[in-house]
Amino acid sequence: MKQPDEVLVERIYQAYPKHIAKKNALRAIRNACKDKSTIEAAGEMPTENFLLIAASDYCEYCESVKKDKKYIPLPATWFNGARWEDEDFVEWRQKQNCYQ
């Protein structure tokens, strides 16, 4: 399995709305890029692009619902837990006509 593009991994981290524990976050992003369920969710799209869109959408979601920063999960938690599949976020994305 090919290694994720490090430039995109960094961009994914920067797109996420909280920047804490960067080393753990980057490791979680790399692992998510290689995860079978992420690959399946991405479909034809490269997993790095899928995660970049998901992180960007999550940032927009947090702003739109005025989510307090203390309630935004650490990036490693979000990527390790495939939190782009969380019901409230998925519903918001559907209403916004975001990529699924």
N, C-alpha and C. Protein backbone atom coordinates (compact mmCIF):
# COMPACT_ATOMS: atom_id res chain seq x y z
N MET A 1 0.85 -1.18 0.00
CA MET A 1 0.00 0.00 0.00
C MET A 1 0.89 1.24 0.00
N LYS A 2 0.56 2.18 -0.87
CA LYS A 2 1.39 3.38 -0.98
C LYS A 2 1.22 4.28 0.23
N GLN A 3 2.28 5.00 0.52
CA GLN A 3 2.25 5.95 1.64
C GLN A 3 1.48 7.20 1.21
N PRO A 4 0.75 7.81 2.16
CA PRO A 4 0.03 9.04 1.83
C PRO A 4 0.98 10.18 1.46
N ASP A 5 0.52 11.07 0.64
CA ASP A 5 1.26 12.26 0.24
C ASP A 5 1.40 13.17 1.45
N GLU A 6 2.64 13.42 1.89
CA GLU A 6 2.89 14.19 3.11
C GLU A 6 2.42 15.64 3.01
N VAL A 7 2.47 16.21 1.82
CA VAL A 7 1.98 17.58 1.64
C VAL A 7 0.47 17.60 1.91
N LEU A 8 -0.24 16.61 1.39
CA LEU A 8 -1.69 16.55 1.63
C LEU A 8 -2.01 16.22 3.08
N VAL A 9 -1.19 15.39 3.70
CA VAL A 9 -1.40 15.07 5.12
C VAL A 9 -1.33 16.36 5.94
N GLU A 10 -0.36 17.20 5.66
CA GLU A 10 -0.22 18.48 6.35
C GLU A 10 -1.41 19.39 6.05
N ARG A 11 -1.86 19.41 4.80
CA ARG A 11 -3.02 20.24 4.43
C ARG A 11 -4.28 19.76 5.15
N ILE A 12 -4.42 18.45 5.30
CA ILE A 12 -5.58 17.91 6.01
C ILE A 12 -5.55 18.39 7.46
N TYR A 13 -4.37 18.30 8.08
CA TYR A 13 -4.22 18.77 9.46
C TYR A 13 -4.59 20.25 9.58
N GLN A 14 -4.11 21.06 8.64
CA GLN A 14 -4.37 22.49 8.67
C GLN A 14 -5.86 22.80 8.44
N ALA A 15 -6.54 21.96 7.69
CA ALA A 15 -7.97 22.18 7.41
C ALA A 15 -8.84 21.87 8.62
N TYR A 16 -8.35 21.02 9.51
CA TYR A 16 -9.13 20.64 10.69
C TYR A 16 -9.22 21.84 11.64
N PRO A 17 -10.35 22.03 12.31
CA PRO A 17 -10.55 23.26 13.10
C PRO A 17 -9.78 23.37 14.42
N LYS A 18 -9.04 22.36 14.80
CA LYS A 18 -8.31 22.41 16.07
C LYS A 18 -6.90 21.90 15.82
N HIS A 19 -5.90 22.62 16.29
CA HIS A 19 -4.51 22.26 16.05
C HIS A 19 -3.79 21.99 17.36
N ILE A 20 -3.94 20.76 17.83
CA ILE A 20 -3.33 20.32 19.09
C ILE A 20 -2.75 18.93 18.87
N ALA A 21 -1.63 18.64 19.51
CA ALA A 21 -0.98 17.33 19.43
C ALA A 21 -0.75 16.93 17.97
N LYS A 22 0.01 17.77 17.28
CA LYS A 22 0.21 17.61 15.84
C LYS A 22 0.81 16.25 15.47
N LYS A 23 1.80 15.80 16.21
CA LYS A 23 2.45 14.53 15.89
C LYS A 23 1.42 13.39 15.89
N ASN A 24 0.59 13.35 16.91
CA ASN A 24 -0.45 12.31 16.98
C ASN A 24 -1.48 12.48 15.87
N ALA A 25 -1.80 13.73 15.57
CA ALA A 25 -2.78 14.01 14.52
C ALA A 25 -2.27 13.54 13.16
N LEU A 26 -1.02 13.86 12.85
CA LEU A 26 -0.46 13.45 11.56
C LEU A 26 -0.40 11.93 11.43
N ARG A 27 -0.07 11.26 12.52
CA ARG A 27 -0.05 9.79 12.51
C ARG A 27 -1.46 9.25 12.26
N ALA A 28 -2.45 9.84 12.91
CA ALA A 28 -3.84 9.40 12.74
C ALA A 28 -4.32 9.64 11.30
N ILE A 29 -3.92 10.77 10.73
CA ILE A 29 -4.30 11.07 9.34
C ILE A 29 -3.66 10.05 8.40
N ARG A 30 -2.37 9.77 8.60
CA ARG A 30 -1.70 8.77 7.75
C ARG A 30 -2.39 7.41 7.86
N ASN A 31 -2.74 7.03 9.08
CA ASN A 31 -3.42 5.74 9.27
C ASN A 31 -4.80 5.75 8.62
N ALA A 32 -5.51 6.85 8.74
CA ALA A 32 -6.84 6.95 8.14
C ALA A 32 -6.75 6.84 6.62
N CYS A 33 -5.68 7.40 6.04
CA CYS A 33 -5.50 7.33 4.59
C CYS A 33 -5.35 5.89 4.11
N LYS A 34 -4.83 5.04 4.96
CA LYS A 34 -4.59 3.64 4.58
C LYS A 34 -5.67 2.69 5.08
N ASP A 35 -6.62 3.21 5.85
CA ASP A 35 -7.66 2.38 6.45
C ASP A 35 -8.65 1.90 5.39
N LYS A 36 -8.99 0.62 5.46
CA LYS A 36 -9.87 0.02 4.47
C LYS A 36 -11.23 0.72 4.41
N SER A 37 -11.80 1.07 5.55
CA SER A 37 -13.12 1.70 5.54
C SER A 37 -13.05 3.12 4.95
N THR A 38 -11.94 3.82 5.16
CA THR A 38 -11.77 5.14 4.55
C THR A 38 -11.64 5.01 3.04
N ILE A 39 -10.87 4.03 2.61
CA ILE A 39 -10.68 3.78 1.18
C ILE A 39 -12.03 3.48 0.52
N GLU A 40 -12.85 2.66 1.20
CA GLU A 40 -14.17 2.34 0.67
C GLU A 40 -15.07 3.57 0.63
N ALA A 41 -15.04 4.38 1.68
CA ALA A 41 -15.87 5.59 1.74
C ALA A 41 -15.46 6.59 0.67
N ALA A 42 -14.17 6.65 0.36
CA ALA A 42 -13.66 7.60 -0.63
C ALA A 42 -14.06 7.21 -2.05
N GLY A 43 -14.32 5.94 -2.26
CA GLY A 43 -14.69 5.48 -3.60
C GLY A 43 -13.54 5.69 -4.57
N GLU A 44 -13.82 6.35 -5.67
CA GLU A 44 -12.81 6.60 -6.71
C GLU A 44 -11.84 7.72 -6.33
N MET A 45 -12.20 8.51 -5.34
CA MET A 45 -11.39 9.65 -4.93
C MET A 45 -10.19 9.18 -4.10
N PRO A 46 -9.01 9.77 -4.28
CA PRO A 46 -7.88 9.44 -3.40
C PRO A 46 -8.26 9.73 -1.94
N THR A 47 -7.84 8.87 -1.03
CA THR A 47 -8.24 9.03 0.38
C THR A 47 -7.77 10.36 0.96
N GLU A 48 -6.61 10.84 0.54
CA GLU A 48 -6.13 12.13 1.04
C GLU A 48 -7.11 13.24 0.68
N ASN A 49 -7.61 13.21 -0.54
CA ASN A 49 -8.58 14.23 -0.98
C ASN A 49 -9.89 14.10 -0.21
N PHE A 50 -10.33 12.87 -0.01
CA PHE A 50 -11.55 12.60 0.75
C PHE A 50 -11.43 13.18 2.16
N LEU A 51 -10.29 12.93 2.81
CA LEU A 51 -10.09 13.42 4.18
C LEU A 51 -9.93 14.94 4.22
N LEU A 52 -9.31 15.51 3.20
CA LEU A 52 -9.17 16.96 3.13
C LEU A 52 -10.55 17.61 3.03
N ILE A 53 -11.41 17.07 2.20
CA ILE A 53 -12.77 17.59 2.07
C ILE A 53 -13.53 17.42 3.38
N ALA A 54 -13.41 16.24 3.99
CA ALA A 54 -14.12 15.98 5.24
C ALA A 54 -13.66 16.94 6.34
N ALA A 55 -12.34 17.15 6.46
CA ALA A 55 -11.81 18.07 7.48
C ALA A 55 -12.26 19.50 7.22
N SER A 56 -12.24 19.91 5.97
CA SER A 56 -12.69 21.26 5.60
C SER A 56 -14.17 21.44 5.90
N ASP A 57 -14.96 20.43 5.54
CA ASP A 57 -16.39 20.47 5.83
C ASP A 57 -16.64 20.52 7.33
N TYR A 58 -15.85 19.76 8.10
CA TYR A 58 -16.04 19.75 9.55
C TYR A 58 -15.72 21.12 10.14
N CYS A 59 -14.72 21.77 9.62
CA CYS A 59 -14.39 23.13 10.07
C CYS A 59 -15.58 24.06 9.80
N GLU A 60 -16.13 23.96 8.61
CA GLU A 60 -17.29 24.78 8.25
C GLU A 60 -18.50 24.43 9.12
N TYR A 61 -18.67 23.14 9.38
CA TYR A 61 -19.76 22.68 10.26
C TYR A 61 -19.61 23.30 11.65
N CYS A 62 -18.41 23.24 12.22
CA CYS A 62 -18.18 23.78 13.56
C CYS A 62 -18.50 25.26 13.61
N GLU A 63 -18.13 25.98 12.57
CA GLU A 63 -18.42 27.41 12.51
C GLU A 63 -19.92 27.66 12.38
N SER A 64 -20.59 26.87 11.56
CA SER A 64 -22.02 27.11 11.31
C SER A 64 -22.89 26.80 12.52
N VAL A 65 -22.48 25.81 13.31
CA VAL A 65 -23.27 25.48 14.51
C VAL A 65 -22.71 26.17 15.75
N LYS A 66 -21.69 27.02 15.52
CA LYS A 66 -21.05 27.76 16.60
C LYS A 66 -20.57 26.83 17.72
N LYS A 67 -19.91 25.76 17.30
CA LYS A 67 -19.41 24.76 18.24
C LYS A 67 -18.24 25.34 19.04
N ASP A 68 -18.35 25.31 20.35
CA ASP A 68 -17.29 25.80 21.23
C ASP A 68 -16.05 24.93 21.01
N LYS A 69 -14.89 25.58 20.90
CA LYS A 69 -13.62 24.86 20.64
C LYS A 69 -13.38 23.72 21.63
N LYS A 70 -13.82 23.90 22.87
CA LYS A 70 -13.55 22.86 23.86
C LYS A 70 -14.33 21.57 23.56
N TYR A 71 -15.35 21.66 22.70
CA TYR A 71 -16.14 20.48 22.35
C TYR A 71 -15.74 19.88 21.00
N ILE A 72 -14.76 20.48 20.35
CA ILE A 72 -14.25 19.93 19.10
C ILE A 72 -13.22 18.86 19.47
N PRO A 73 -13.38 17.64 18.98
CA PRO A 73 -12.43 16.58 19.35
C PRO A 73 -11.01 16.91 18.88
N LEU A 74 -10.03 16.39 19.60
CA LEU A 74 -8.66 16.50 19.14
C LEU A 74 -8.58 15.87 17.76
N PRO A 75 -7.71 16.38 16.89
CA PRO A 75 -7.67 15.84 15.54
C PRO A 75 -7.39 14.34 15.49
N ALA A 76 -6.50 13.84 16.33
CA ALA A 76 -6.21 12.39 16.31
C ALA A 76 -7.46 11.59 16.67
N THR A 77 -8.23 12.09 17.61
CA THR A 77 -9.48 11.41 18.00
C THR A 77 -10.45 11.39 16.83
N TRP A 78 -10.57 12.52 16.14
CA TRP A 78 -11.52 12.64 15.03
C TRP A 78 -11.13 11.70 13.88
N PHE A 79 -9.85 11.70 13.50
CA PHE A 79 -9.41 10.85 12.39
C PHE A 79 -9.36 9.38 12.77
N ASN A 80 -8.90 9.05 13.97
CA ASN A 80 -8.88 7.64 14.40
C ASN A 80 -10.28 7.06 14.51
N GLY A 81 -11.23 7.89 14.89
CA GLY A 81 -12.60 7.43 15.08
C GLY A 81 -13.49 7.53 13.87
N ALA A 82 -12.92 7.91 12.73
CA ALA A 82 -13.71 8.10 11.50
C ALA A 82 -14.94 8.96 11.80
N ARG A 83 -14.71 10.06 12.49
CA ARG A 83 -15.80 10.90 12.97
C ARG A 83 -16.52 11.65 11.85
N TRP A 84 -16.00 11.58 10.63
CA TRP A 84 -16.73 12.15 9.50
C TRP A 84 -18.00 11.35 9.24
N GLU A 85 -18.14 10.19 9.91
CA GLU A 85 -19.34 9.37 9.80
C GLU A 85 -20.36 9.66 10.91
N ASP A 86 -20.04 10.59 11.82
CA ASP A 86 -20.96 10.92 12.91
C ASP A 86 -22.28 11.45 12.35
N GLU A 87 -23.36 11.01 12.94
CA GLU A 87 -24.71 11.30 12.44
C GLU A 87 -24.98 12.79 12.27
N ASP A 88 -24.67 13.60 13.28
CA ASP A 88 -24.98 15.03 13.17
C ASP A 88 -24.20 15.70 12.04
N PHE A 89 -22.95 15.30 11.86
CA PHE A 89 -22.12 15.86 10.79
C PHE A 89 -22.61 15.38 9.42
N VAL A 90 -22.93 14.11 9.31
CA VAL A 90 -23.44 13.57 8.05
C VAL A 90 -24.73 14.28 7.65
N GLU A 91 -25.62 14.46 8.61
CA GLU A 91 -26.89 15.15 8.31
C GLU A 91 -26.64 16.59 7.86
N TRP A 92 -25.71 17.29 8.51
CA TRP A 92 -25.38 18.65 8.12
C TRP A 92 -24.83 18.67 6.70
N ARG A 93 -23.93 17.73 6.39
CA ARG A 93 -23.34 17.67 5.05
C ARG A 93 -24.42 17.42 3.99
N GLN A 94 -25.37 16.57 4.31
CA GLN A 94 -26.44 16.30 3.36
C GLN A 94 -27.28 17.56 3.11
N LYS A 95 -27.56 18.30 4.16
CA LYS A 95 -28.33 19.54 4.01
C LYS A 95 -27.55 20.59 3.22
N GLN A 96 -26.22 20.56 3.34
CA GLN A 96 -25.37 21.52 2.63
C GLN A 96 -25.02 21.05 1.22
N ASN A 97 -25.46 19.83 0.89
CA ASN A 97 -25.09 19.22 -0.40
C ASN A 97 -23.57 19.04 -0.54
N CYS A 98 -22.92 18.71 0.58
CA CYS A 98 -21.49 18.46 0.56
C CYS A 98 -21.23 17.07 0.00
N TYR A 99 -19.98 16.83 -0.36
CA TYR A 99 -19.58 15.50 -0.83
C TYR A 99 -19.84 14.48 0.27
N GLN A 100 -20.35 13.34 -0.09
CA GLN A 100 -20.56 12.23 0.84
C GLN A 100 -19.68 11.07 0.48
